């Protein structure tokens, strides 16, 4: 048991966290592009006359078509920011908010992996940076990592 615990507490290089962050951001950009390119934004969010809602979230309603495309554009920009590590808390917060909004709009089109994406983006937005504590991954592989001092 102690050997397993010691192995779990052993330092590891942060490159795997950077790779995960880049892949996560890229998946979010791809999702936004896919919804826009296949016409799913209009089909799932604008065209339906009636929208189901989660209990307590009936106040969340779809925006007009142009604004929904803007939401997905902001989602994609957040994904690019997360992938690049640029202003991570801001871009992760943006990504989390837009993903949560899209998720809460269509419970009739429930996708459990979107729920996971909301949780992961929210975890990053909370300053956790997809890990339990700050590491050198905070500055490794970031676009603006070299321009700021460590806090």
N, C-alpha and C. Protein backbone atom coordinates (compact mmCIF):
# COMPACT_ATOMS: atom_id res chain seq x y z
N UNK A 1 0.83 -1.19 0.00
CA UNK A 1 0.00 0.00 0.00
C UNK A 1 0.87 1.25 0.00
N UNK A 2 1.91 1.26 0.82
CA UNK A 2 2.80 2.43 0.88
C UNK A 2 3.53 2.64 -0.44
N UNK A 3 3.91 1.55 -1.09
CA UNK A 3 4.60 1.66 -2.38
C UNK A 3 3.67 2.29 -3.42
N UNK A 4 2.40 1.91 -3.40
CA UNK A 4 1.43 2.49 -4.33
C UNK A 4 1.21 3.96 -4.05
N UNK A 5 1.11 4.31 -2.77
CA UNK A 5 0.94 5.70 -2.38
C UNK A 5 2.16 6.53 -2.75
N UNK A 6 3.33 5.98 -2.55
CA UNK A 6 4.57 6.69 -2.91
C UNK A 6 4.64 6.90 -4.42
N UNK A 7 4.21 5.91 -5.18
CA UNK A 7 4.24 6.03 -6.63
C UNK A 7 3.25 7.10 -7.11
N UNK A 8 2.11 7.23 -6.43
CA UNK A 8 1.13 8.25 -6.79
C UNK A 8 1.61 9.66 -6.45
N UNK A 9 2.47 9.78 -5.45
CA UNK A 9 2.96 11.09 -5.03
C UNK A 9 4.26 11.49 -5.71
N UNK A 10 4.78 10.64 -6.55
CA UNK A 10 6.03 10.90 -7.24
C UNK A 10 5.84 12.03 -8.27
N UNK A 11 6.79 12.96 -8.36
CA UNK A 11 6.66 14.03 -9.36
C UNK A 11 6.70 13.48 -10.78
N UNK A 12 5.90 14.07 -11.63
CA UNK A 12 5.88 13.72 -13.04
C UNK A 12 5.99 15.01 -13.86
N UNK A 13 6.43 14.88 -15.08
CA UNK A 13 6.55 16.04 -15.94
C UNK A 13 5.16 16.54 -16.35
N UNK A 14 5.02 17.83 -16.50
CA UNK A 14 3.72 18.43 -16.79
C UNK A 14 3.32 18.37 -18.26
N UNK A 15 4.16 17.80 -19.09
CA UNK A 15 3.85 17.76 -20.53
C UNK A 15 2.55 17.03 -20.81
N UNK A 16 2.23 16.01 -20.04
CA UNK A 16 0.97 15.29 -20.28
C UNK A 16 -0.23 16.18 -19.98
N UNK A 17 -0.12 17.05 -18.97
CA UNK A 17 -1.20 17.98 -18.67
C UNK A 17 -1.37 19.00 -19.79
N UNK A 18 -0.25 19.44 -20.34
CA UNK A 18 -0.29 20.38 -21.45
C UNK A 18 -0.95 19.71 -22.65
N UNK A 19 -0.57 18.48 -22.93
CA UNK A 19 -1.17 17.75 -24.06
C UNK A 19 -2.67 17.60 -23.86
N UNK A 20 -3.09 17.30 -22.63
CA UNK A 20 -4.52 17.17 -22.35
C UNK A 20 -5.23 18.50 -22.55
N UNK A 21 -4.63 19.59 -22.06
CA UNK A 21 -5.22 20.92 -22.20
C UNK A 21 -5.38 21.27 -23.69
N UNK A 22 -4.37 21.01 -24.48
CA UNK A 22 -4.42 21.30 -25.91
C UNK A 22 -5.50 20.46 -26.59
N UNK A 23 -5.53 19.17 -26.27
CA UNK A 23 -6.54 18.28 -26.86
C UNK A 23 -7.95 18.69 -26.44
N UNK A 24 -8.13 19.06 -25.19
CA UNK A 24 -9.44 19.48 -24.69
C UNK A 24 -9.90 20.73 -25.42
N UNK A 25 -9.04 21.71 -25.55
CA UNK A 25 -9.40 22.93 -26.28
C UNK A 25 -9.73 22.64 -27.73
N UNK A 26 -8.94 21.77 -28.35
CA UNK A 26 -9.18 21.41 -29.76
C UNK A 26 -10.52 20.70 -29.94
N UNK A 27 -10.88 19.83 -29.01
CA UNK A 27 -12.17 19.14 -29.07
C UNK A 27 -13.31 20.15 -28.97
N UNK A 28 -13.16 21.14 -28.13
CA UNK A 28 -14.21 22.15 -27.98
C UNK A 28 -14.36 22.99 -29.25
N UNK A 29 -13.25 23.34 -29.87
CA UNK A 29 -13.31 24.07 -31.14
C UNK A 29 -13.99 23.20 -32.20
N UNK A 30 -13.62 21.94 -32.25
CA UNK A 30 -14.20 21.01 -33.21
C UNK A 30 -15.70 20.87 -32.99
N UNK A 31 -16.14 20.76 -31.74
CA UNK A 31 -17.57 20.65 -31.43
C UNK A 31 -18.33 21.88 -31.92
N UNK A 32 -17.79 23.07 -31.66
CA UNK A 32 -18.46 24.31 -32.09
C UNK A 32 -18.54 24.35 -33.61
N UNK A 33 -17.46 23.99 -34.28
CA UNK A 33 -17.44 23.99 -35.74
C UNK A 33 -18.45 22.97 -36.29
N UNK A 34 -18.50 21.81 -35.67
CA UNK A 34 -19.40 20.76 -36.13
C UNK A 34 -20.86 21.18 -36.02
N UNK A 35 -21.24 21.79 -34.91
CA UNK A 35 -22.61 22.26 -34.74
C UNK A 35 -22.95 23.32 -35.78
N UNK A 36 -22.02 24.23 -36.04
CA UNK A 36 -22.27 25.29 -37.02
C UNK A 36 -22.32 24.74 -38.44
N UNK A 37 -21.38 23.87 -38.79
CA UNK A 37 -21.28 23.40 -40.17
C UNK A 37 -22.40 22.44 -40.56
N UNK A 38 -22.95 21.71 -39.62
CA UNK A 38 -24.00 20.74 -39.93
C UNK A 38 -25.41 21.31 -39.75
N UNK A 39 -25.49 22.58 -39.37
CA UNK A 39 -26.80 23.20 -39.19
C UNK A 39 -27.50 22.81 -37.91
N UNK A 40 -26.77 22.24 -36.98
CA UNK A 40 -27.40 21.77 -35.74
C UNK A 40 -27.80 22.91 -34.83
N UNK A 41 -27.16 24.06 -34.95
CA UNK A 41 -27.53 25.20 -34.10
C UNK A 41 -28.97 25.58 -34.38
N UNK A 42 -29.28 25.71 -35.65
CA UNK A 42 -30.65 26.06 -36.04
C UNK A 42 -31.61 24.92 -35.73
N UNK A 43 -31.19 23.70 -36.05
CA UNK A 43 -32.06 22.53 -35.88
C UNK A 43 -32.43 22.26 -34.43
N UNK A 44 -31.46 22.34 -33.53
CA UNK A 44 -31.71 21.96 -32.14
C UNK A 44 -32.11 23.13 -31.24
N UNK A 45 -31.71 24.35 -31.59
CA UNK A 45 -31.91 25.46 -30.66
C UNK A 45 -32.85 26.54 -31.15
N UNK A 46 -32.94 26.76 -32.46
CA UNK A 46 -33.74 27.86 -32.97
C UNK A 46 -35.08 27.38 -33.54
N UNK A 47 -35.06 26.33 -34.34
CA UNK A 47 -36.27 25.85 -35.01
C UNK A 47 -37.35 25.30 -34.09
N UNK A 48 -37.02 24.51 -33.06
CA UNK A 48 -38.10 23.93 -32.24
C UNK A 48 -38.99 25.00 -31.59
N UNK A 49 -40.27 24.75 -31.61
CA UNK A 49 -41.23 25.68 -31.01
C UNK A 49 -41.23 25.51 -29.49
N UNK A 50 -41.08 24.28 -29.04
CA UNK A 50 -41.09 24.00 -27.60
C UNK A 50 -39.72 23.47 -27.19
N UNK A 51 -39.22 23.98 -26.08
CA UNK A 51 -37.94 23.51 -25.54
C UNK A 51 -38.16 22.97 -24.14
N UNK A 52 -37.68 21.77 -23.91
CA UNK A 52 -37.70 21.22 -22.56
C UNK A 52 -36.66 21.99 -21.75
N UNK A 53 -36.78 21.91 -20.43
CA UNK A 53 -35.77 22.55 -19.59
C UNK A 53 -35.53 21.69 -18.35
N UNK A 54 -34.34 21.84 -17.81
CA UNK A 54 -34.02 21.15 -16.57
C UNK A 54 -34.76 21.84 -15.43
N UNK A 55 -35.13 21.09 -14.38
CA UNK A 55 -35.81 21.71 -13.24
C UNK A 55 -34.96 22.85 -12.67
N UNK A 56 -35.60 24.01 -12.51
CA UNK A 56 -34.90 25.18 -11.98
C UNK A 56 -34.20 26.02 -13.04
N UNK A 57 -34.16 25.54 -14.28
CA UNK A 57 -33.49 26.28 -15.34
C UNK A 57 -34.44 26.64 -16.47
N UNK A 58 -35.72 26.78 -16.16
CA UNK A 58 -36.71 27.16 -17.17
C UNK A 58 -36.50 28.56 -17.71
N UNK A 59 -35.77 29.38 -16.98
CA UNK A 59 -35.51 30.75 -17.40
C UNK A 59 -34.46 30.82 -18.52
N UNK A 60 -33.76 29.73 -18.77
CA UNK A 60 -32.76 29.71 -19.84
C UNK A 60 -33.47 29.39 -21.15
N UNK A 61 -33.36 30.31 -22.10
CA UNK A 61 -34.04 30.14 -23.39
C UNK A 61 -33.04 30.37 -24.52
N UNK A 62 -33.30 29.76 -25.68
CA UNK A 62 -32.42 29.98 -26.83
C UNK A 62 -32.50 31.42 -27.32
N UNK A 63 -31.41 31.90 -27.83
CA UNK A 63 -31.34 33.23 -28.42
C UNK A 63 -31.73 33.13 -29.90
N UNK A 64 -31.92 34.27 -30.56
CA UNK A 64 -32.17 34.22 -32.01
C UNK A 64 -30.98 33.59 -32.74
N UNK A 65 -31.20 33.20 -33.98
CA UNK A 65 -30.21 32.44 -34.75
C UNK A 65 -28.83 33.10 -34.78
N UNK A 66 -28.77 34.37 -35.11
CA UNK A 66 -27.48 35.06 -35.18
C UNK A 66 -26.75 35.07 -33.85
N UNK A 67 -27.51 35.26 -32.78
CA UNK A 67 -26.90 35.27 -31.44
C UNK A 67 -26.44 33.87 -31.03
N UNK A 68 -27.17 32.84 -31.45
CA UNK A 68 -26.73 31.48 -31.13
C UNK A 68 -25.43 31.15 -31.87
N UNK A 69 -25.30 31.63 -33.10
CA UNK A 69 -24.02 31.44 -33.80
C UNK A 69 -22.91 32.20 -33.07
N UNK A 70 -23.22 33.35 -32.51
CA UNK A 70 -22.23 34.11 -31.73
C UNK A 70 -21.83 33.33 -30.48
N UNK A 71 -22.80 32.69 -29.83
CA UNK A 71 -22.48 31.86 -28.65
C UNK A 71 -21.50 30.76 -29.03
N UNK A 72 -21.75 30.09 -30.15
CA UNK A 72 -20.85 29.02 -30.58
C UNK A 72 -19.50 29.57 -31.03
N UNK A 73 -19.48 30.78 -31.57
CA UNK A 73 -18.20 31.41 -31.91
C UNK A 73 -17.40 31.71 -30.65
N UNK A 74 -18.07 32.20 -29.62
CA UNK A 74 -17.39 32.47 -28.34
C UNK A 74 -16.91 31.15 -27.72
N UNK A 75 -17.72 30.11 -27.85
CA UNK A 75 -17.31 28.79 -27.37
C UNK A 75 -16.03 28.34 -28.07
N UNK A 76 -15.97 28.53 -29.39
CA UNK A 76 -14.78 28.15 -30.15
C UNK A 76 -13.57 29.00 -29.76
N UNK A 77 -13.78 30.28 -29.55
CA UNK A 77 -12.68 31.16 -29.13
C UNK A 77 -12.16 30.73 -27.76
N UNK A 78 -13.08 30.37 -26.86
CA UNK A 78 -12.67 29.85 -25.55
C UNK A 78 -11.85 28.57 -25.69
N UNK A 79 -12.25 27.71 -26.62
CA UNK A 79 -11.50 26.48 -26.87
C UNK A 79 -10.11 26.76 -27.39
N UNK A 80 -9.99 27.72 -28.29
CA UNK A 80 -8.66 28.11 -28.79
C UNK A 80 -7.81 28.66 -27.66
N UNK A 81 -8.40 29.51 -26.83
CA UNK A 81 -7.66 30.08 -25.70
C UNK A 81 -7.19 29.02 -24.72
N UNK A 82 -8.03 28.05 -24.43
CA UNK A 82 -7.64 26.96 -23.54
C UNK A 82 -6.53 26.13 -24.17
N UNK A 83 -6.68 25.82 -25.44
CA UNK A 83 -5.66 25.01 -26.13
C UNK A 83 -4.30 25.72 -26.13
N UNK A 84 -4.32 27.03 -26.31
CA UNK A 84 -3.07 27.79 -26.33
C UNK A 84 -2.58 28.16 -24.93
N UNK A 85 -3.44 28.01 -23.94
CA UNK A 85 -3.06 28.39 -22.58
C UNK A 85 -3.05 29.89 -22.39
N UNK A 86 -3.75 30.61 -23.26
CA UNK A 86 -3.78 32.06 -23.20
C UNK A 86 -4.82 32.53 -22.20
N UNK A 87 -4.41 33.30 -21.19
CA UNK A 87 -5.32 33.80 -20.16
C UNK A 87 -6.27 32.69 -19.72
N UNK A 88 -5.69 31.65 -19.18
CA UNK A 88 -6.39 30.39 -18.98
C UNK A 88 -7.67 30.52 -18.16
N UNK A 89 -7.63 31.24 -17.06
CA UNK A 89 -8.85 31.33 -16.24
C UNK A 89 -9.97 32.04 -16.97
N UNK A 90 -9.63 33.06 -17.73
CA UNK A 90 -10.65 33.80 -18.47
C UNK A 90 -11.22 32.93 -19.58
N UNK A 91 -10.34 32.31 -20.36
CA UNK A 91 -10.85 31.49 -21.48
C UNK A 91 -11.56 30.23 -20.97
N UNK A 92 -11.08 29.64 -19.89
CA UNK A 92 -11.76 28.47 -19.33
C UNK A 92 -13.12 28.86 -18.76
N UNK A 93 -13.21 30.04 -18.15
CA UNK A 93 -14.50 30.52 -17.65
C UNK A 93 -15.47 30.76 -18.79
N UNK A 94 -14.98 31.37 -19.85
CA UNK A 94 -15.82 31.60 -21.03
C UNK A 94 -16.28 30.29 -21.63
N UNK A 95 -15.35 29.37 -21.75
CA UNK A 95 -15.67 28.05 -22.30
C UNK A 95 -16.69 27.33 -21.42
N UNK A 96 -16.50 27.42 -20.12
CA UNK A 96 -17.41 26.76 -19.19
C UNK A 96 -18.82 27.36 -19.27
N UNK A 97 -18.90 28.68 -19.29
CA UNK A 97 -20.21 29.34 -19.32
C UNK A 97 -20.96 29.05 -20.61
N UNK A 98 -20.28 29.13 -21.74
CA UNK A 98 -20.96 28.90 -23.01
C UNK A 98 -21.34 27.42 -23.17
N UNK A 99 -20.48 26.52 -22.73
CA UNK A 99 -20.79 25.10 -22.82
C UNK A 99 -21.97 24.76 -21.90
N UNK A 100 -21.98 25.32 -20.70
CA UNK A 100 -23.09 25.08 -19.78
C UNK A 100 -24.40 25.63 -20.35
N UNK A 101 -24.34 26.81 -20.95
CA UNK A 101 -25.54 27.40 -21.56
C UNK A 101 -26.10 26.48 -22.65
N UNK A 102 -25.23 26.02 -23.53
CA UNK A 102 -25.66 25.14 -24.62
C UNK A 102 -26.20 23.82 -24.05
N UNK A 103 -25.54 23.29 -23.03
CA UNK A 103 -25.98 22.04 -22.41
C UNK A 103 -27.37 22.20 -21.78
N UNK A 104 -27.59 23.32 -21.08
CA UNK A 104 -28.85 23.52 -20.39
C UNK A 104 -30.01 23.86 -21.32
N UNK A 105 -29.70 24.25 -22.55
CA UNK A 105 -30.76 24.59 -23.49
C UNK A 105 -31.56 23.39 -23.98
N UNK A 106 -30.93 22.25 -24.08
CA UNK A 106 -31.58 21.13 -24.76
C UNK A 106 -31.49 19.82 -23.99
N UNK A 107 -32.22 19.69 -22.89
CA UNK A 107 -32.18 18.40 -22.18
C UNK A 107 -32.80 17.27 -23.00
N UNK A 108 -33.62 17.60 -23.98
CA UNK A 108 -34.18 16.56 -24.85
C UNK A 108 -33.13 16.00 -25.80
N UNK A 109 -32.02 16.69 -25.91
CA UNK A 109 -30.90 16.27 -26.76
C UNK A 109 -29.70 16.02 -25.84
N UNK A 110 -29.95 15.32 -24.73
CA UNK A 110 -28.93 15.11 -23.70
C UNK A 110 -27.76 14.27 -24.23
N UNK A 111 -26.57 14.77 -24.02
CA UNK A 111 -25.35 14.05 -24.35
C UNK A 111 -24.46 14.05 -23.11
N UNK A 112 -24.20 12.88 -22.56
CA UNK A 112 -23.44 12.83 -21.32
C UNK A 112 -22.03 13.34 -21.48
N UNK A 113 -21.44 13.25 -22.69
CA UNK A 113 -20.09 13.76 -22.85
C UNK A 113 -20.07 15.29 -22.80
N UNK A 114 -21.17 15.95 -23.15
CA UNK A 114 -21.22 17.40 -23.03
C UNK A 114 -21.22 17.79 -21.56
N UNK A 115 -21.90 17.01 -20.73
CA UNK A 115 -21.88 17.24 -19.29
C UNK A 115 -20.44 17.14 -18.77
N UNK A 116 -19.69 16.16 -19.25
CA UNK A 116 -18.29 16.02 -18.87
C UNK A 116 -17.48 17.24 -19.31
N UNK A 117 -17.74 17.74 -20.51
CA UNK A 117 -17.02 18.93 -20.99
C UNK A 117 -17.32 20.14 -20.12
N UNK A 118 -18.57 20.28 -19.68
CA UNK A 118 -18.93 21.39 -18.78
C UNK A 118 -18.15 21.26 -17.48
N UNK A 119 -18.08 20.05 -16.93
CA UNK A 119 -17.36 19.84 -15.68
C UNK A 119 -15.86 20.13 -15.84
N UNK A 120 -15.26 19.66 -16.91
CA UNK A 120 -13.83 19.90 -17.13
C UNK A 120 -13.52 21.37 -17.33
N UNK A 121 -14.34 22.06 -18.11
CA UNK A 121 -14.12 23.49 -18.32
C UNK A 121 -14.33 24.26 -17.02
N UNK A 122 -15.33 23.88 -16.26
CA UNK A 122 -15.57 24.52 -14.97
C UNK A 122 -14.44 24.28 -13.99
N UNK A 123 -13.87 23.10 -14.05
CA UNK A 123 -12.74 22.78 -13.18
C UNK A 123 -11.55 23.68 -13.51
N UNK A 124 -11.32 23.90 -14.79
CA UNK A 124 -10.25 24.79 -15.21
C UNK A 124 -10.56 26.23 -14.86
N UNK A 125 -11.83 26.62 -14.98
CA UNK A 125 -12.22 27.98 -14.67
C UNK A 125 -12.08 28.28 -13.19
N UNK A 126 -12.20 27.27 -12.36
CA UNK A 126 -12.07 27.45 -10.92
C UNK A 126 -10.62 27.63 -10.49
N UNK A 127 -9.72 27.64 -11.47
CA UNK A 127 -8.32 27.85 -11.15
C UNK A 127 -7.58 26.56 -10.89
N UNK A 128 -8.24 25.44 -11.13
CA UNK A 128 -7.60 24.16 -10.86
C UNK A 128 -6.71 23.73 -12.01
N UNK A 129 -6.91 24.30 -13.16
CA UNK A 129 -6.09 24.02 -14.32
C UNK A 129 -6.01 22.54 -14.65
N UNK A 130 -7.14 21.88 -14.49
CA UNK A 130 -7.29 20.47 -14.81
C UNK A 130 -6.39 19.56 -14.00
N UNK A 131 -5.91 20.04 -12.87
CA UNK A 131 -5.13 19.24 -11.93
C UNK A 131 -5.52 19.65 -10.53
N UNK A 132 -5.09 18.89 -9.55
CA UNK A 132 -5.50 19.17 -8.18
C UNK A 132 -4.81 20.39 -7.57
N UNK A 133 -3.63 20.73 -8.04
CA UNK A 133 -2.93 21.90 -7.50
C UNK A 133 -2.06 22.51 -8.59
N UNK A 134 -1.71 23.78 -8.45
CA UNK A 134 -0.87 24.41 -9.48
C UNK A 134 0.46 23.69 -9.64
N UNK A 135 0.90 23.57 -10.87
CA UNK A 135 2.16 22.91 -11.18
C UNK A 135 2.89 23.74 -12.21
N UNK A 136 3.99 23.23 -12.70
CA UNK A 136 4.69 23.94 -13.77
C UNK A 136 3.89 23.92 -15.06
N UNK A 137 2.81 23.13 -15.11
CA UNK A 137 1.94 23.13 -16.30
C UNK A 137 1.25 24.47 -16.45
N UNK A 138 1.22 25.26 -15.36
CA UNK A 138 0.62 26.57 -15.43
C UNK A 138 1.35 27.46 -16.43
N UNK A 139 2.63 27.24 -16.59
CA UNK A 139 3.42 28.08 -17.47
C UNK A 139 3.99 27.31 -18.65
N UNK A 140 3.96 26.01 -18.61
CA UNK A 140 4.51 25.19 -19.69
C UNK A 140 3.54 25.16 -20.86
N UNK A 141 4.01 25.47 -22.03
CA UNK A 141 3.20 25.39 -23.22
C UNK A 141 2.16 26.47 -23.36
N UNK A 142 2.32 27.57 -22.64
CA UNK A 142 1.36 28.67 -22.73
C UNK A 142 1.87 29.72 -23.69
N UNK A 143 0.95 30.33 -24.39
CA UNK A 143 1.32 31.42 -25.29
C UNK A 143 1.85 32.59 -24.49
N UNK A 144 1.18 32.95 -23.38
CA UNK A 144 1.60 34.09 -22.60
C UNK A 144 2.37 33.69 -21.34
N UNK A 145 2.82 32.45 -21.26
CA UNK A 145 3.55 31.99 -20.08
C UNK A 145 4.89 32.65 -19.91
N UNK A 146 5.54 32.97 -21.00
CA UNK A 146 6.87 33.58 -20.93
C UNK A 146 6.79 35.05 -20.62
N UNK A 147 5.64 35.68 -20.79
CA UNK A 147 5.52 37.12 -20.59
C UNK A 147 5.11 37.52 -19.20
N UNK A 148 4.80 36.56 -18.36
CA UNK A 148 4.35 36.87 -17.00
C UNK A 148 5.25 36.21 -15.98
N UNK A 149 5.36 36.88 -14.87
CA UNK A 149 6.10 36.28 -13.76
C UNK A 149 5.24 35.26 -13.07
N UNK A 150 5.89 34.32 -12.42
CA UNK A 150 5.12 33.37 -11.59
C UNK A 150 4.54 34.10 -10.41
N UNK A 151 3.33 33.76 -10.06
CA UNK A 151 2.66 34.41 -8.92
C UNK A 151 2.89 33.63 -7.66
